[in-house]
Amino acid sequence: MPLRRLRLANPHTGETFDGPFRDDTGPITQAMADLSELLRDHHSGEKTAIDIGVLDFLASVMDAVGATHATVLSAYRTRETNAMLARTTFGVAENSQHIYGRALDIRLPTRNEDAMQAARGLERGGVGWYPHSGFFHIDTGPVRNWMLDQRGLDSLLLLPGLEESGRTLPSLANSGQPLPGLTQSGRPLSSAMQAGGSYRPASMHRVLAQAGRLAITRSK
């Protein structure tokens, strides 16, 4: 396989990677270490080896649409972080591919829908599409496709202090109290809804119902 490059940004940490990650002999050791650092769980700071297959998958998708760089909204997650996100009832799979370093949630500057279609055409794993939130998910698990057609899913995340409180976003939203940190800071919630694994239809309807109540649109 010829030299392959990626140019990636982590919006949670401000860190970037720009360079080759694979050459004709295989993965480049230092680049893979750098990518493990970049794509770590930003909640806990823990990292793991990122699957070379999902990086190849992303590079192929970007090549297909002529994208030169991408923003990674989510990559590796520890089981603890995944469980924490799952408690918000936003449909996070209990055995998410993110846990194994085999999944990426991606936003390109343009042509995200074309990229999603290209990813599905490659049939290398799971592809999720979030059209009104402007990102897509890829992983190297079983081939499957899904879509959540809801605005603001990229902004639904755990807020500072939520982990310690043990309360979920739905319970806070129904309490009549402002979501902590949002009105004070004026900033959008700081991480994307994570996707991974497969979705049961009932879970998806529950996700959409919760997202409908809590979505924060860019027009606000």
N, C-alpha and C. Protein backbone atom coordinates (compact mmCIF):
# COMPACT_ATOMS: atom_id res chain seq x y z
N MET A 1 0.86 -1.20 0.00
CA MET A 1 0.00 0.00 0.00
C MET A 1 0.89 1.24 0.00
N PRO A 2 0.59 2.23 -0.84
CA PRO A 2 1.41 3.44 -0.90
C PRO A 2 1.28 4.28 0.38
N LEU A 3 2.13 5.28 0.49
CA LEU A 3 2.10 6.18 1.64
C LEU A 3 0.72 6.81 1.79
N ARG A 4 0.20 6.76 3.01
CA ARG A 4 -1.11 7.36 3.28
C ARG A 4 -0.95 8.40 4.36
N ARG A 5 -1.66 9.51 4.18
CA ARG A 5 -1.55 10.64 5.10
C ARG A 5 -2.93 10.98 5.65
N LEU A 6 -2.93 11.61 6.81
CA LEU A 6 -4.14 12.18 7.39
C LEU A 6 -3.80 13.53 8.02
N ARG A 7 -4.77 14.42 7.97
CA ARG A 7 -4.67 15.70 8.67
C ARG A 7 -5.93 15.82 9.52
N LEU A 8 -5.75 15.69 10.83
CA LEU A 8 -6.87 15.60 11.75
C LEU A 8 -6.76 16.64 12.86
N ALA A 9 -7.92 17.04 13.38
CA ALA A 9 -7.97 17.96 14.52
C ALA A 9 -8.90 17.40 15.58
N ASN A 10 -8.51 17.57 16.84
CA ASN A 10 -9.34 17.20 17.98
C ASN A 10 -9.90 18.49 18.56
N PRO A 11 -11.22 18.76 18.43
CA PRO A 11 -11.78 20.03 18.89
C PRO A 11 -11.83 20.16 20.41
N HIS A 12 -11.72 19.05 21.12
CA HIS A 12 -11.79 19.09 22.58
C HIS A 12 -10.47 19.55 23.20
N THR A 13 -9.36 19.21 22.53
CA THR A 13 -8.04 19.53 23.09
C THR A 13 -7.28 20.57 22.27
N GLY A 14 -7.72 20.81 21.03
CA GLY A 14 -7.02 21.72 20.14
C GLY A 14 -5.80 21.10 19.48
N GLU A 15 -5.56 19.82 19.72
CA GLU A 15 -4.40 19.14 19.15
C GLU A 15 -4.68 18.71 17.72
N THR A 16 -3.60 18.54 16.94
CA THR A 16 -3.73 18.15 15.54
C THR A 16 -2.70 17.07 15.19
N PHE A 17 -2.97 16.39 14.10
CA PHE A 17 -2.01 15.46 13.49
C PHE A 17 -2.00 15.76 12.01
N ASP A 18 -0.83 15.85 11.43
CA ASP A 18 -0.70 16.13 10.00
C ASP A 18 0.53 15.39 9.48
N GLY A 19 0.31 14.27 8.82
CA GLY A 19 1.44 13.51 8.30
C GLY A 19 1.05 12.12 7.87
N PRO A 20 2.02 11.34 7.41
CA PRO A 20 1.75 9.96 7.01
C PRO A 20 1.54 9.07 8.22
N PHE A 21 0.68 8.08 8.08
CA PHE A 21 0.47 7.11 9.16
C PHE A 21 0.76 5.69 8.69
N ARG A 22 0.94 5.50 7.37
CA ARG A 22 1.21 4.18 6.82
C ARG A 22 2.11 4.34 5.60
N ASP A 23 3.05 3.41 5.45
CA ASP A 23 3.85 3.38 4.24
C ASP A 23 3.76 1.99 3.62
N ASP A 24 4.61 1.70 2.64
CA ASP A 24 4.47 0.43 1.92
C ASP A 24 4.86 -0.78 2.76
N THR A 25 5.41 -0.55 3.95
CA THR A 25 5.74 -1.67 4.85
C THR A 25 4.69 -1.86 5.93
N GLY A 26 3.77 -0.91 6.09
CA GLY A 26 2.74 -1.04 7.11
C GLY A 26 2.58 0.23 7.92
N PRO A 27 1.90 0.16 9.05
CA PRO A 27 1.71 1.34 9.91
C PRO A 27 3.04 1.90 10.38
N ILE A 28 3.11 3.23 10.47
CA ILE A 28 4.31 3.91 10.95
C ILE A 28 4.21 4.02 12.47
N THR A 29 5.16 3.42 13.16
CA THR A 29 5.07 3.28 14.62
C THR A 29 4.88 4.62 15.34
N GLN A 30 5.70 5.61 15.03
CA GLN A 30 5.60 6.89 15.73
C GLN A 30 4.29 7.59 15.41
N ALA A 31 3.85 7.50 14.16
CA ALA A 31 2.58 8.13 13.78
C ALA A 31 1.42 7.49 14.52
N MET A 32 1.44 6.17 14.67
CA MET A 32 0.36 5.49 15.37
C MET A 32 0.36 5.88 16.85
N ALA A 33 1.53 6.09 17.43
CA ALA A 33 1.60 6.55 18.81
C ALA A 33 1.04 7.96 18.93
N ASP A 34 1.36 8.81 17.97
CA ASP A 34 0.84 10.18 17.98
C ASP A 34 -0.67 10.19 17.81
N LEU A 35 -1.18 9.31 16.97
CA LEU A 35 -2.63 9.25 16.75
C LEU A 35 -3.34 8.67 17.98
N SER A 36 -2.71 7.75 18.67
CA SER A 36 -3.27 7.24 19.92
C SER A 36 -3.42 8.36 20.93
N GLU A 37 -2.44 9.25 20.97
CA GLU A 37 -2.51 10.40 21.87
C GLU A 37 -3.59 11.38 21.44
N LEU A 38 -3.63 11.69 20.18
CA LEU A 38 -4.62 12.65 19.66
C LEU A 38 -6.04 12.16 19.88
N LEU A 39 -6.26 10.86 19.69
CA LEU A 39 -7.62 10.31 19.68
C LEU A 39 -7.98 9.65 21.00
N ARG A 40 -7.30 10.06 22.06
CA ARG A 40 -7.58 9.51 23.39
C ARG A 40 -8.96 9.92 23.89
N ASP A 41 -9.39 9.26 24.94
CA ASP A 41 -10.64 9.62 25.63
C ASP A 41 -10.41 10.96 26.31
N HIS A 42 -11.04 12.02 25.83
CA HIS A 42 -10.76 13.34 26.39
C HIS A 42 -11.42 13.54 27.75
N HIS A 43 -12.35 12.65 28.13
CA HIS A 43 -12.93 12.74 29.48
C HIS A 43 -11.93 12.26 30.52
N SER A 44 -11.28 11.12 30.26
CA SER A 44 -10.40 10.49 31.25
C SER A 44 -8.92 10.72 30.97
N GLY A 45 -8.58 11.03 29.72
CA GLY A 45 -7.18 11.15 29.34
C GLY A 45 -6.54 9.82 28.98
N GLU A 46 -7.28 8.72 29.12
CA GLU A 46 -6.72 7.41 28.78
C GLU A 46 -6.68 7.22 27.27
N LYS A 47 -5.73 6.40 26.82
CA LYS A 47 -5.59 6.16 25.39
C LYS A 47 -5.44 4.68 25.12
N THR A 48 -5.59 4.32 23.85
CA THR A 48 -5.41 2.94 23.42
C THR A 48 -4.85 2.96 22.00
N ALA A 49 -4.43 1.80 21.53
CA ALA A 49 -3.98 1.70 20.14
C ALA A 49 -5.19 1.85 19.23
N ILE A 50 -5.11 2.78 18.29
CA ILE A 50 -6.20 3.00 17.35
C ILE A 50 -6.09 2.01 16.20
N ASP A 51 -7.19 1.41 15.85
CA ASP A 51 -7.23 0.42 14.78
C ASP A 51 -6.76 1.03 13.46
N ILE A 52 -5.74 0.43 12.85
CA ILE A 52 -5.26 0.93 11.56
C ILE A 52 -6.35 0.85 10.50
N GLY A 53 -7.26 -0.13 10.64
CA GLY A 53 -8.33 -0.28 9.67
C GLY A 53 -9.27 0.91 9.63
N VAL A 54 -9.60 1.49 10.79
CA VAL A 54 -10.52 2.63 10.78
C VAL A 54 -9.82 3.87 10.25
N LEU A 55 -8.50 3.96 10.43
CA LEU A 55 -7.74 5.07 9.84
C LEU A 55 -7.69 4.94 8.32
N ASP A 56 -7.46 3.71 7.84
CA ASP A 56 -7.51 3.47 6.39
C ASP A 56 -8.90 3.79 5.84
N PHE A 57 -9.92 3.39 6.57
CA PHE A 57 -11.31 3.66 6.19
C PHE A 57 -11.52 5.16 6.03
N LEU A 58 -11.10 5.92 7.02
CA LEU A 58 -11.25 7.37 6.96
C LEU A 58 -10.47 7.96 5.80
N ALA A 59 -9.22 7.52 5.61
CA ALA A 59 -8.41 8.05 4.52
C ALA A 59 -9.08 7.78 3.16
N SER A 60 -9.66 6.60 3.01
CA SER A 60 -10.34 6.27 1.76
C SER A 60 -11.57 7.14 1.54
N VAL A 61 -12.31 7.38 2.60
CA VAL A 61 -13.50 8.25 2.50
C VAL A 61 -13.08 9.67 2.12
N MET A 62 -12.05 10.18 2.79
CA MET A 62 -11.59 11.53 2.49
C MET A 62 -11.07 11.64 1.05
N ASP A 63 -10.35 10.61 0.59
CA ASP A 63 -9.88 10.61 -0.79
C ASP A 63 -11.06 10.65 -1.77
N ALA A 64 -12.12 9.92 -1.43
CA ALA A 64 -13.27 9.81 -2.32
C ALA A 64 -13.96 11.15 -2.56
N VAL A 65 -13.89 12.05 -1.57
CA VAL A 65 -14.57 13.35 -1.70
C VAL A 65 -13.59 14.51 -1.80
N GLY A 66 -12.31 14.20 -1.89
CA GLY A 66 -11.30 15.26 -2.04
C GLY A 66 -11.08 16.08 -0.79
N ALA A 67 -11.37 15.51 0.39
CA ALA A 67 -11.18 16.24 1.65
C ALA A 67 -9.72 16.20 2.06
N THR A 68 -9.18 17.33 2.49
CA THR A 68 -7.78 17.40 2.91
C THR A 68 -7.61 17.34 4.42
N HIS A 69 -8.67 17.60 5.18
CA HIS A 69 -8.56 17.51 6.63
C HIS A 69 -9.92 17.21 7.24
N ALA A 70 -9.91 16.72 8.47
CA ALA A 70 -11.15 16.33 9.14
C ALA A 70 -11.06 16.65 10.62
N THR A 71 -12.22 16.91 11.22
CA THR A 71 -12.33 17.09 12.67
C THR A 71 -12.89 15.80 13.27
N VAL A 72 -12.21 15.29 14.29
CA VAL A 72 -12.65 14.06 14.95
C VAL A 72 -13.41 14.44 16.22
N LEU A 73 -14.71 14.28 16.19
CA LEU A 73 -15.54 14.64 17.33
C LEU A 73 -15.43 13.62 18.46
N SER A 74 -15.21 12.37 18.09
CA SER A 74 -15.07 11.31 19.11
C SER A 74 -14.29 10.16 18.50
N ALA A 75 -13.44 9.54 19.34
CA ALA A 75 -12.68 8.37 18.89
C ALA A 75 -12.71 7.35 20.03
N TYR A 76 -11.57 7.11 20.68
CA TYR A 76 -11.53 6.13 21.76
C TYR A 76 -12.33 6.61 22.96
N ARG A 77 -13.05 5.65 23.59
CA ARG A 77 -13.72 5.89 24.86
C ARG A 77 -13.45 4.72 25.79
N THR A 78 -13.16 4.99 27.04
CA THR A 78 -13.05 3.92 28.02
C THR A 78 -14.45 3.35 28.28
N ARG A 79 -14.48 2.17 28.87
CA ARG A 79 -15.77 1.59 29.23
C ARG A 79 -16.50 2.48 30.23
N GLU A 80 -15.74 3.11 31.12
CA GLU A 80 -16.37 3.98 32.12
C GLU A 80 -17.00 5.20 31.45
N THR A 81 -16.28 5.80 30.51
CA THR A 81 -16.85 6.94 29.79
C THR A 81 -18.05 6.51 28.97
N ASN A 82 -17.95 5.36 28.33
CA ASN A 82 -19.06 4.88 27.53
C ASN A 82 -20.29 4.63 28.38
N ALA A 83 -20.08 4.03 29.55
CA ALA A 83 -21.20 3.77 30.47
C ALA A 83 -21.81 5.08 30.95
N MET A 84 -20.95 6.06 31.21
CA MET A 84 -21.43 7.37 31.65
C MET A 84 -22.31 7.99 30.57
N LEU A 85 -21.88 7.90 29.31
CA LEU A 85 -22.66 8.44 28.20
C LEU A 85 -23.95 7.64 28.01
N ALA A 86 -23.86 6.32 28.19
CA ALA A 86 -25.04 5.49 28.02
C ALA A 86 -26.13 5.85 29.03
N ARG A 87 -25.73 6.30 30.23
CA ARG A 87 -26.72 6.67 31.25
C ARG A 87 -27.52 7.90 30.88
N THR A 88 -27.05 8.67 29.88
CA THR A 88 -27.83 9.82 29.44
C THR A 88 -28.97 9.42 28.53
N THR A 89 -29.08 8.13 28.20
CA THR A 89 -30.13 7.56 27.35
C THR A 89 -30.12 8.14 25.95
N PHE A 90 -28.95 8.54 25.45
CA PHE A 90 -28.86 9.02 24.08
C PHE A 90 -28.53 7.91 23.10
N GLY A 91 -28.74 6.64 23.47
CA GLY A 91 -28.58 5.55 22.53
C GLY A 91 -27.16 5.09 22.33
N VAL A 92 -26.26 5.40 23.24
CA VAL A 92 -24.89 4.93 23.13
C VAL A 92 -24.88 3.42 23.34
N ALA A 93 -24.27 2.69 22.41
CA ALA A 93 -24.24 1.23 22.51
C ALA A 93 -23.37 0.80 23.67
N GLU A 94 -23.84 -0.19 24.43
CA GLU A 94 -23.08 -0.66 25.59
C GLU A 94 -21.73 -1.24 25.19
N ASN A 95 -21.69 -1.87 24.01
CA ASN A 95 -20.45 -2.47 23.53
C ASN A 95 -19.95 -1.72 22.30
N SER A 96 -19.93 -0.40 22.40
CA SER A 96 -19.57 0.47 21.29
C SER A 96 -18.20 0.15 20.71
N GLN A 97 -18.08 0.29 19.40
CA GLN A 97 -16.79 0.13 18.75
C GLN A 97 -15.78 1.19 19.23
N HIS A 98 -16.27 2.29 19.77
CA HIS A 98 -15.37 3.32 20.33
C HIS A 98 -14.52 2.74 21.47
N ILE A 99 -15.05 1.80 22.21
CA ILE A 99 -14.34 1.21 23.34
C ILE A 99 -13.06 0.51 22.87
N TYR A 100 -13.08 0.01 21.65
CA TYR A 100 -11.97 -0.78 21.13
C TYR A 100 -11.05 0.03 20.22
N GLY A 101 -11.27 1.34 20.13
CA GLY A 101 -10.45 2.16 19.25
C GLY A 101 -10.72 1.90 17.79
N ARG A 102 -11.95 1.44 17.48
CA ARG A 102 -12.29 1.08 16.11
C ARG A 102 -13.37 1.97 15.52
N ALA A 103 -13.62 3.14 16.11
CA ALA A 103 -14.70 4.01 15.64
C ALA A 103 -14.27 5.46 15.70
N LEU A 104 -14.78 6.24 14.74
CA LEU A 104 -14.52 7.68 14.67
C LEU A 104 -15.80 8.40 14.31
N ASP A 105 -16.07 9.51 14.98
CA ASP A 105 -17.15 10.42 14.60
C ASP A 105 -16.49 11.61 13.93
N ILE A 106 -16.86 11.88 12.69
CA ILE A 106 -16.10 12.77 11.82
C ILE A 106 -16.96 13.90 11.27
N ARG A 107 -16.37 15.08 11.20
CA ARG A 107 -16.97 16.21 10.49
C ARG A 107 -15.94 16.73 9.50
N LEU A 108 -16.35 16.87 8.23
CA LEU A 108 -15.51 17.47 7.20
C LEU A 108 -15.97 18.91 6.97
N PRO A 109 -15.11 19.74 6.41
CA PRO A 109 -15.52 21.13 6.13
C PRO A 109 -16.70 21.21 5.17
N THR A 110 -16.76 20.30 4.19
CA THR A 110 -17.85 20.25 3.22
C THR A 110 -18.09 18.80 2.82
N ARG A 111 -19.17 18.55 2.12
CA ARG A 111 -19.47 17.26 1.49
C ARG A 111 -19.56 16.11 2.49
N ASN A 112 -20.13 16.37 3.66
CA ASN A 112 -20.28 15.31 4.64
C ASN A 112 -21.25 14.22 4.16
N GLU A 113 -22.31 14.61 3.49
CA GLU A 113 -23.25 13.59 2.99
C GLU A 113 -22.59 12.73 1.92
N ASP A 114 -21.84 13.36 1.02
CA ASP A 114 -21.12 12.58 0.00
C ASP A 114 -20.13 11.63 0.66
N ALA A 115 -19.48 12.09 1.71
CA ALA A 115 -18.52 11.24 2.43
C ALA A 115 -19.23 10.05 3.06
N MET A 116 -20.40 10.30 3.65
CA MET A 116 -21.17 9.21 4.25
C MET A 116 -21.55 8.18 3.19
N GLN A 117 -21.99 8.66 2.02
CA GLN A 117 -22.37 7.74 0.95
C GLN A 117 -21.16 6.94 0.46
N ALA A 118 -20.02 7.61 0.36
CA ALA A 118 -18.79 6.92 -0.04
C ALA A 118 -18.43 5.84 0.98
N ALA A 119 -18.57 6.17 2.27
CA ALA A 119 -18.26 5.22 3.32
C ALA A 119 -19.17 4.00 3.23
N ARG A 120 -20.45 4.22 3.01
CA ARG A 120 -21.37 3.09 2.89
C ARG A 120 -21.03 2.23 1.67
N GLY A 121 -20.63 2.88 0.60
CA GLY A 121 -20.26 2.14 -0.60
C GLY A 121 -19.04 1.25 -0.41
N LEU A 122 -18.14 1.64 0.48
CA LEU A 122 -16.94 0.85 0.74
C LEU A 122 -17.23 -0.43 1.50
N GLU A 123 -18.31 -0.43 2.29
CA GLU A 123 -18.75 -1.61 3.05
C GLU A 123 -17.62 -2.19 3.91
N ARG A 124 -16.97 -1.32 4.66
CA ARG A 124 -15.89 -1.76 5.55
C ARG A 124 -16.31 -1.86 7.00
N GLY A 125 -17.54 -1.47 7.31
CA GLY A 125 -18.00 -1.51 8.68
C GLY A 125 -19.26 -0.69 8.85
N GLY A 126 -19.47 -0.18 10.07
CA GLY A 126 -20.66 0.61 10.35
C GLY A 126 -20.51 2.04 9.90
N VAL A 127 -21.62 2.60 9.41
CA VAL A 127 -21.65 4.01 9.00
C VAL A 127 -22.93 4.63 9.53
N GLY A 128 -22.79 5.63 10.38
CA GLY A 128 -23.93 6.38 10.90
C GLY A 128 -23.95 7.77 10.31
N TRP A 129 -25.16 8.29 10.07
CA TRP A 129 -25.31 9.60 9.43
C TRP A 129 -26.23 10.47 10.28
N TYR A 130 -25.78 11.70 10.55
CA TYR A 130 -26.48 12.67 11.37
C TYR A 130 -26.64 13.95 10.55
N PRO A 131 -27.56 13.96 9.59
CA PRO A 131 -27.59 15.03 8.58
C PRO A 131 -27.80 16.43 9.12
N HIS A 132 -28.65 16.57 10.14
CA HIS A 132 -28.92 17.91 10.67
C HIS A 132 -27.94 18.31 11.77
N SER A 133 -27.02 17.42 12.09
CA SER A 133 -25.98 17.73 13.06
C SER A 133 -24.61 17.80 12.40
N GLY A 134 -24.55 17.45 11.12
CA GLY A 134 -23.37 17.69 10.31
C GLY A 134 -22.17 16.81 10.61
N PHE A 135 -22.40 15.53 10.94
CA PHE A 135 -21.26 14.63 11.10
C PHE A 135 -21.68 13.21 10.76
N PHE A 136 -20.68 12.35 10.59
CA PHE A 136 -20.95 10.94 10.33
C PHE A 136 -20.01 10.08 11.17
N HIS A 137 -20.43 8.84 11.37
CA HIS A 137 -19.68 7.87 12.17
C HIS A 137 -19.19 6.76 11.25
N ILE A 138 -17.95 6.31 11.45
CA ILE A 138 -17.46 5.11 10.78
C ILE A 138 -16.81 4.20 11.80
N ASP A 139 -16.91 2.90 11.57
CA ASP A 139 -16.20 1.95 12.42
C ASP A 139 -15.89 0.70 11.61
N THR A 140 -15.05 -0.15 12.16
CA THR A 140 -14.67 -1.37 11.47
C THR A 140 -15.32 -2.60 12.10
N GLY A 141 -16.48 -2.39 12.70
CA GLY A 141 -17.29 -3.51 13.17
C GLY A 141 -18.08 -4.09 12.01
N PRO A 142 -19.17 -4.82 12.31
CA PRO A 142 -19.99 -5.39 11.24
C PRO A 142 -20.55 -4.31 10.32
N VAL A 143 -20.75 -4.66 9.06
CA VAL A 143 -21.32 -3.71 8.10
C VAL A 143 -22.79 -3.46 8.45
N ARG A 144 -23.14 -2.19 8.69
CA ARG A 144 -24.50 -1.80 9.00
C ARG A 144 -24.58 -0.29 8.84
N ASN A 145 -25.79 0.22 8.61
CA ASN A 145 -25.99 1.65 8.40
C ASN A 145 -27.14 2.14 9.26
N TRP A 146 -27.09 3.40 9.70
CA TRP A 146 -28.20 4.01 10.43
C TRP A 146 -28.16 5.51 10.23
N MET A 147 -29.27 6.15 10.58
CA MET A 147 -29.36 7.60 10.49
C MET A 147 -30.20 8.13 11.64
N LEU A 148 -29.77 9.23 12.23
CA LEU A 148 -30.58 9.96 13.19
C LEU A 148 -30.80 11.36 12.62
N ASP A 149 -32.01 11.61 12.16
CA ASP A 149 -32.33 12.85 11.44
C ASP A 149 -32.85 13.89 12.42
N GLN A 150 -31.95 14.38 13.24
CA GLN A 150 -32.33 15.31 14.31
C GLN A 150 -31.27 16.39 14.45
N ARG A 151 -31.70 17.62 14.69
CA ARG A 151 -30.75 18.72 14.86
C ARG A 151 -30.11 18.68 16.26
N GLY A 152 -28.87 19.19 16.33
CA GLY A 152 -28.24 19.40 17.62
C GLY A 152 -27.61 18.19 18.26
N LEU A 153 -27.59 17.03 17.58
CA LEU A 153 -27.01 15.86 18.21
C LEU A 153 -25.51 16.03 18.44
N ASP A 154 -24.87 16.88 17.64
CA ASP A 154 -23.44 17.13 17.84
C ASP A 154 -23.18 17.91 19.11
N SER A 155 -24.21 18.53 19.67
CA SER A 155 -24.03 19.36 20.86
C SER A 155 -24.54 18.69 22.14
N LEU A 156 -25.07 17.48 22.01
CA LEU A 156 -25.59 16.81 23.20
C LEU A 156 -24.48 16.04 23.89
N LEU A 157 -24.09 16.49 25.06
CA LEU A 157 -23.02 15.81 25.79
C LEU A 157 -23.12 16.07 27.26
N LEU A 158 -22.28 15.36 28.00
CA LEU A 158 -22.24 15.56 29.44
C LEU A 158 -21.63 16.91 29.75
N LEU A 159 -22.29 17.62 30.65
CA LEU A 159 -21.82 18.93 31.05
C LEU A 159 -20.92 18.82 32.27
N PRO A 160 -20.08 19.83 32.53
CA PRO A 160 -19.23 19.80 33.71
C PRO A 160 -20.05 19.56 34.98
N GLY A 161 -19.61 18.59 35.78
CA GLY A 161 -20.29 18.30 37.04
C GLY A 161 -21.39 17.27 36.93
N LEU A 162 -21.79 16.91 35.70
CA LEU A 162 -22.89 15.97 35.55
C LEU A 162 -22.50 14.58 36.04
N GLU A 163 -21.24 14.17 35.75
CA GLU A 163 -20.80 12.85 36.19
C GLU A 163 -20.90 12.73 37.70
N GLU A 164 -20.47 13.77 38.39
CA GLU A 164 -20.47 13.72 39.84
C GLU A 164 -21.89 13.74 40.41
N SER A 165 -22.79 14.44 39.73
CA SER A 165 -24.15 14.57 40.26
C SER A 165 -24.95 13.30 40.10
N GLY A 166 -24.58 12.48 39.10
CA GLY A 166 -25.33 11.26 38.85
C GLY A 166 -26.65 11.49 38.16
N ARG A 167 -26.94 12.73 37.77
CA ARG A 167 -28.21 13.04 37.11
C ARG A 167 -28.01 13.01 35.62
N THR A 168 -29.05 12.60 34.90
CA THR A 168 -28.96 12.56 33.45
C THR A 168 -29.47 13.86 32.86
N LEU A 169 -29.10 14.12 31.62
CA LEU A 169 -29.60 15.33 30.96
C LEU A 169 -31.13 15.35 30.89
N PRO A 170 -31.80 14.22 30.58
CA PRO A 170 -33.27 14.27 30.59
C PRO A 170 -33.84 14.71 31.93
N SER A 171 -33.28 14.22 33.05
CA SER A 171 -33.83 14.61 34.35
C SER A 171 -33.60 16.08 34.62
N LEU A 172 -32.46 16.60 34.17
CA LEU A 172 -32.20 18.02 34.35
C LEU A 172 -33.12 18.85 33.48
N ALA A 173 -33.35 18.39 32.26
CA ALA A 173 -34.20 19.16 31.36
C ALA A 173 -35.63 19.23 31.87
N ASN A 174 -36.09 18.15 32.49
CA ASN A 174 -37.46 18.11 32.96
C ASN A 174 -37.63 18.79 34.32
N SER A 175 -36.51 19.19 34.94
CA SER A 175 -36.58 19.77 36.27
C SER A 175 -36.95 21.25 36.26
N GLY A 176 -36.86 21.87 35.06
CA GLY A 176 -37.10 23.29 34.98
C GLY A 176 -35.90 24.14 35.29
N GLN A 177 -34.76 23.49 35.62
CA GLN A 177 -33.53 24.21 35.93
C GLN A 177 -32.69 24.35 34.67
N PRO A 178 -31.93 25.44 34.54
CA PRO A 178 -31.05 25.56 33.37
C PRO A 178 -29.97 24.50 33.43
N LEU A 179 -29.55 24.02 32.25
CA LEU A 179 -28.46 23.06 32.21
C LEU A 179 -27.19 23.72 32.73
N PRO A 180 -26.47 23.06 33.64
CA PRO A 180 -25.32 23.69 34.29
C PRO A 180 -24.24 24.08 33.30
N GLY A 181 -23.75 25.31 33.46
CA GLY A 181 -22.63 25.76 32.65
C GLY A 181 -23.01 26.39 31.34
N LEU A 182 -24.24 26.15 30.85
CA LEU A 182 -24.59 26.63 29.52
C LEU A 182 -24.92 28.11 29.53
N THR A 183 -25.87 28.53 30.41
CA THR A 183 -26.24 29.93 30.41
C THR A 183 -25.10 30.81 30.89
N GLN A 184 -24.29 30.27 31.80
CA GLN A 184 -23.19 31.07 32.32
C GLN A 184 -22.09 31.28 31.29
N SER A 185 -21.80 30.24 30.49
CA SER A 185 -20.66 30.32 29.59
C SER A 185 -21.03 30.86 28.23
N GLY A 186 -22.27 30.63 27.79
CA GLY A 186 -22.66 31.02 26.44
C GLY A 186 -22.09 30.11 25.38
N ARG A 187 -21.39 29.03 25.80
CA ARG A 187 -20.78 28.12 24.83
C ARG A 187 -21.69 26.93 24.60
N PRO A 188 -21.61 26.31 23.39
CA PRO A 188 -22.35 25.08 23.17
C PRO A 188 -21.80 23.97 24.04
N LEU A 189 -22.58 22.94 24.27
CA LEU A 189 -22.10 21.80 25.03
C LEU A 189 -20.90 21.22 24.31
N SER A 190 -19.92 20.71 25.09
CA SER A 190 -18.57 20.55 24.54
C SER A 190 -18.24 19.24 23.87
N SER A 191 -19.18 18.29 23.66
CA SER A 191 -18.79 17.12 22.86
C SER A 191 -19.98 16.54 22.15
N ALA A 192 -19.70 15.76 21.11
CA ALA A 192 -20.77 15.24 20.27
C ALA A 192 -21.43 14.03 20.88
N MET A 193 -22.68 13.80 20.50
CA MET A 193 -23.28 12.52 20.81
C MET A 193 -22.44 11.44 20.15
N GLN A 194 -22.16 10.40 20.91
CA GLN A 194 -21.30 9.35 20.39
C GLN A 194 -22.16 8.24 19.80
N ALA A 195 -21.65 7.64 18.73
CA ALA A 195 -22.37 6.53 18.11
C ALA A 195 -21.46 5.34 18.03
N GLY A 196 -22.03 4.17 18.13
CA GLY A 196 -21.23 2.98 17.96
C GLY A 196 -22.08 1.76 18.19
N GLY A 197 -21.67 0.63 17.68
CA GLY A 197 -22.46 -0.57 17.80
C GLY A 197 -23.74 -0.44 17.02
N SER A 198 -24.66 -1.36 17.22
CA SER A 198 -25.91 -1.34 16.47
C SER A 198 -27.01 -0.78 17.35
N TYR A 199 -28.09 -0.30 16.71
CA TYR A 199 -29.19 0.29 17.44
C TYR A 199 -30.43 -0.59 17.30
N ARG A 200 -31.12 -0.79 18.41
CA ARG A 200 -32.43 -1.42 18.34
C ARG A 200 -33.44 -0.33 18.04
N PRO A 201 -34.51 -0.66 17.26
CA PRO A 201 -35.49 0.38 16.91
C PRO A 201 -36.06 1.11 18.11
N ALA A 202 -36.35 0.39 19.18
CA ALA A 202 -36.92 1.06 20.36
C ALA A 202 -35.93 2.06 20.93
N SER A 203 -34.66 1.68 20.94
CA SER A 203 -33.64 2.60 21.45
C SER A 203 -33.56 3.84 20.60
N MET A 204 -33.67 3.67 19.28
CA MET A 204 -33.57 4.82 18.39
C MET A 204 -34.72 5.79 18.61
N HIS A 205 -35.94 5.24 18.77
CA HIS A 205 -37.08 6.13 19.03
C HIS A 205 -36.88 6.89 20.34
N ARG A 206 -36.33 6.22 21.34
CA ARG A 206 -36.08 6.88 22.62
C ARG A 206 -35.05 7.98 22.46
N VAL A 207 -34.02 7.70 21.68
CA VAL A 207 -33.00 8.72 21.42
C VAL A 207 -33.62 9.94 20.77
N LEU A 208 -34.43 9.70 19.73
CA LEU A 208 -35.03 10.82 19.02
C LEU A 208 -35.96 11.63 19.92
N ALA A 209 -36.70 10.92 20.78
CA ALA A 209 -37.59 11.63 21.69
C ALA A 209 -36.81 12.52 22.64
N GLN A 210 -35.74 11.98 23.21
CA GLN A 210 -34.93 12.77 24.13
C GLN A 210 -34.23 13.91 23.39
N ALA A 211 -33.71 13.61 22.21
CA ALA A 211 -33.00 14.63 21.46
C ALA A 211 -33.93 15.75 21.05
N GLY A 212 -35.18 15.42 20.74
CA GLY A 212 -36.13 16.43 20.35
C GLY A 212 -36.37 17.44 21.44
N ARG A 213 -36.30 16.97 22.69
CA ARG A 213 -36.52 17.88 23.82
C ARG A 213 -35.29 18.69 24.14
N LEU A 214 -34.12 18.13 23.85
CA LEU A 214 -32.90 18.74 24.35
C LEU A 214 -32.01 19.35 23.28
N ALA A 215 -32.36 19.12 22.01
CA ALA A 215 -31.47 19.60 20.93
C ALA A 215 -31.28 21.11 20.99
N ILE A 216 -30.04 21.53 20.76
CA ILE A 216 -29.70 22.95 20.74
C ILE A 216 -29.31 23.28 19.31
N THR A 217 -30.11 24.06 18.63
CA THR A 217 -29.84 24.33 17.23
C THR A 217 -28.89 25.51 17.08
N ARG A 218 -28.24 25.53 15.95
CA ARG A 218 -27.29 26.61 15.69
C ARG A 218 -27.96 27.96 15.51
N SER A 219 -29.28 27.96 15.29
CA SER A 219 -29.96 29.25 15.08
C SER A 219 -30.18 30.00 16.38
N LYS A 220 -29.97 29.32 17.50
CA LYS A 220 -30.17 29.98 18.81
C LYS A 220 -28.92 30.70 19.23
